[in-house]
């Protein structure tokens, strides 16, 4: 059987990286996100405010085909490695400063990343790591800090 992997692509720059999923250490999260990405999604990617070198993408409504509260904590840390991707669910009213619901997929593209938010340290589930194309993707991630939001496509690798 071929290993199930994802891709993350900066649409306008036509720059893509390949994500190897952590099926052994985050099986439920990988299963949920694999199911959510049956069809590729295109979403705005913004730069994180508190976490250092991280881009954040929301899982759009059409891909929300699982109960986020049913996912157990898996493979959690507050100090991710370069290239790792996280899953974080923010229910309504989780943060005093942001009462909205948010289904987050994040990617750390450089050294010094941490999952730190407006309330302090937040342990997140890490479900994969970009194992191909990281340097070119990281260059696009850095541009978000200066140029603003960019469109990213995430999907299953064919």
Protein backbone atom coordinates (compact mmCIF):
# COMPACT_ATOMS: atom_id res chain seq x y z
CA UNK A 1 0.00 0.00 0.00
CA UNK A 2 1.25 3.48 -0.85
CA UNK A 3 1.85 5.76 2.13
CA UNK A 4 -0.88 8.39 2.46
CA UNK A 5 0.62 11.89 2.25
CA UNK A 6 -0.68 15.42 1.83
CA UNK A 7 0.58 18.43 -0.08
CA UNK A 8 0.54 22.13 0.77
CA UNK A 9 0.83 24.50 -2.17
CA UNK A 10 1.12 28.28 -2.42
CA UNK A 11 -1.24 28.79 -5.34
CA UNK A 12 0.04 32.05 -6.87
CA UNK A 13 3.72 31.11 -6.55
CA UNK A 14 3.14 27.50 -7.65
CA UNK A 15 5.35 26.30 -4.78
CA UNK A 16 4.50 22.98 -3.14
CA UNK A 17 5.71 20.82 -0.28
CA UNK A 18 4.90 17.21 0.63
CA UNK A 19 3.64 16.29 4.11
CA UNK A 20 4.35 12.92 5.67
CA UNK A 21 1.62 12.13 8.18
CA UNK A 22 2.26 10.82 11.69
CA UNK A 23 -0.05 7.82 11.38
CA UNK A 24 1.66 6.00 14.28
CA UNK A 25 1.60 8.82 16.83
CA UNK A 26 -1.51 10.79 15.79
CA UNK A 27 -3.76 8.20 14.12
CA UNK A 28 -7.15 9.70 14.98
CA UNK A 29 -6.12 13.19 13.91
CA UNK A 30 -4.56 11.89 10.67
CA UNK A 31 -7.72 9.91 9.93
CA UNK A 32 -9.96 12.93 10.55
CA UNK A 33 -7.90 15.31 8.44
CA UNK A 34 -7.41 12.74 5.67
CA UNK A 35 -11.20 12.44 5.51
CA UNK A 36 -11.65 16.22 5.59
CA UNK A 37 -9.26 16.60 2.66
CA UNK A 38 -10.97 14.15 0.32
CA UNK A 39 -11.30 17.18 -1.95
CA UNK A 40 -8.46 19.74 -1.90
CA UNK A 41 -9.19 22.98 -0.08
CA UNK A 42 -8.04 26.50 -0.93
CA UNK A 43 -7.78 28.75 2.08
CA UNK A 44 -6.14 32.01 3.12
CA UNK A 45 -2.91 31.53 5.07
CA UNK A 46 -1.93 34.17 7.59
CA UNK A 47 1.06 34.52 9.87
CA UNK A 48 0.70 33.62 13.54
CA UNK A 49 1.00 36.40 16.10
CA UNK A 50 2.27 34.54 19.16
CA UNK A 51 3.89 31.34 17.87
CA UNK A 52 6.89 32.58 15.92
CA UNK A 53 7.51 31.09 12.46
CA UNK A 54 4.04 29.63 11.88
CA UNK A 55 1.42 30.07 9.20
CA UNK A 56 -2.21 29.42 10.13
CA UNK A 57 -5.02 28.15 7.95
CA UNK A 58 -8.63 27.56 8.90
CA UNK A 59 -10.37 24.38 7.85
CA UNK A 60 -13.32 25.63 5.76
CA UNK A 61 -16.92 24.70 6.49
CA UNK A 62 -17.14 22.24 3.58
CA UNK A 63 -14.24 20.20 5.00
CA UNK A 64 -15.57 20.02 8.56
CA UNK A 65 -16.94 16.50 8.32
CA UNK A 66 -15.85 15.27 11.77
CA UNK A 67 -16.52 16.20 15.39
CA UNK A 68 -13.44 18.13 16.56
CA UNK A 69 -14.26 17.42 20.20
CA UNK A 70 -14.02 13.68 19.54
CA UNK A 71 -10.31 13.88 18.69
CA UNK A 72 -8.08 12.89 21.60
CA UNK A 73 -4.85 14.71 22.40
CA UNK A 74 -2.17 13.02 20.29
CA UNK A 75 1.55 13.63 19.83
CA UNK A 76 1.31 16.92 21.70
CA UNK A 77 4.03 19.44 22.40
CA UNK A 78 4.49 23.19 22.76
CA UNK A 79 7.87 23.18 20.96
CA UNK A 80 7.41 21.90 17.39
CA UNK A 81 10.17 20.98 15.00
CA UNK A 82 10.70 22.87 11.74
CA UNK A 83 8.24 21.65 9.11
CA UNK A 84 5.71 20.19 11.57
CA UNK A 85 1.98 20.69 11.14
CA UNK A 86 -0.45 21.11 13.98
CA UNK A 87 -4.16 20.66 14.51
CA UNK A 88 -5.92 22.93 17.01
CA UNK A 89 -9.63 23.38 17.63
CA UNK A 90 -10.76 26.60 19.28
CA UNK A 91 -14.40 26.34 20.39
CA UNK A 92 -16.55 29.44 20.72
CA UNK A 93 -15.54 31.63 23.67
CA UNK A 94 -12.29 29.70 24.27
CA UNK A 95 -10.31 32.96 24.35
CA UNK A 96 -11.66 36.12 25.94
CA UNK A 97 -10.12 38.24 23.18
CA UNK A 98 -11.47 36.04 20.34
CA UNK A 99 -14.87 34.42 20.95
CA UNK A 100 -15.08 32.82 17.48
CA UNK A 101 -14.77 29.14 16.65
CA UNK A 102 -11.63 28.21 14.70
CA UNK A 103 -10.54 24.90 13.14
CA UNK A 104 -6.80 25.45 12.69
CA UNK A 105 -4.16 23.73 10.66
CA UNK A 106 -0.79 25.37 11.26
CA UNK A 107 2.68 24.82 9.87
CA UNK A 108 5.99 25.79 11.46
CA UNK A 109 8.51 26.78 8.82
CA UNK A 110 11.50 27.90 10.90
CA UNK A 111 13.44 27.54 14.15
CA UNK A 112 12.06 28.91 17.41
CA UNK A 113 8.42 27.93 16.95
CA UNK A 114 6.21 27.47 20.00
CA UNK A 115 2.52 27.10 20.61
CA UNK A 116 1.92 30.13 22.75
CA UNK A 117 -1.30 32.08 22.63
CA UNK A 118 -3.03 34.97 24.38
CA UNK A 119 -3.55 32.82 27.49
CA UNK A 120 -0.06 31.28 27.56
CA UNK A 121 1.25 27.90 26.49
CA UNK A 122 -1.15 25.72 24.49
CA UNK A 123 -0.26 22.11 23.83
CA UNK A 124 -1.32 21.11 20.30
CA UNK A 125 -1.55 17.88 18.34
CA UNK A 126 1.14 17.45 15.69
CA UNK A 127 -0.06 15.28 12.82
CA UNK A 128 2.67 15.52 10.19
CA UNK A 129 5.84 17.08 8.89
CA UNK A 130 6.78 18.61 5.56
CA UNK A 131 9.45 16.26 4.26
CA UNK A 132 9.86 17.60 0.71
CA UNK A 133 9.95 21.17 -0.58
CA UNK A 134 10.26 22.84 2.83
CA UNK A 135 12.87 25.45 1.84
CA UNK A 136 10.77 26.85 -1.02
CA UNK A 137 7.58 26.72 1.07
CA UNK A 138 9.35 28.45 3.99
CA UNK A 139 10.35 31.29 1.67
CA UNK A 140 6.67 31.81 0.80
CA UNK A 141 5.72 31.64 4.49
CA UNK A 142 8.21 34.41 5.33
CA UNK A 143 6.68 36.59 2.59
CA UNK A 144 3.32 36.48 4.38
CA UNK A 145 4.81 38.59 7.18
CA UNK A 146 5.56 41.40 4.71
CA UNK A 147 3.07 40.94 1.88
CA UNK A 148 0.08 39.64 3.86
CA UNK A 149 -2.29 36.72 3.43
CA UNK A 150 -1.65 34.24 0.62
CA UNK A 151 -3.85 31.48 -0.80
CA UNK A 152 -2.78 27.95 0.04
CA UNK A 153 -4.14 24.67 -1.28
CA UNK A 154 -4.00 21.56 0.90
CA UNK A 155 -4.98 18.14 -0.36
CA UNK A 156 -4.17 14.48 -0.68
CA UNK A 157 -1.08 13.64 -2.69
CA UNK A 158 -2.15 11.65 -5.75
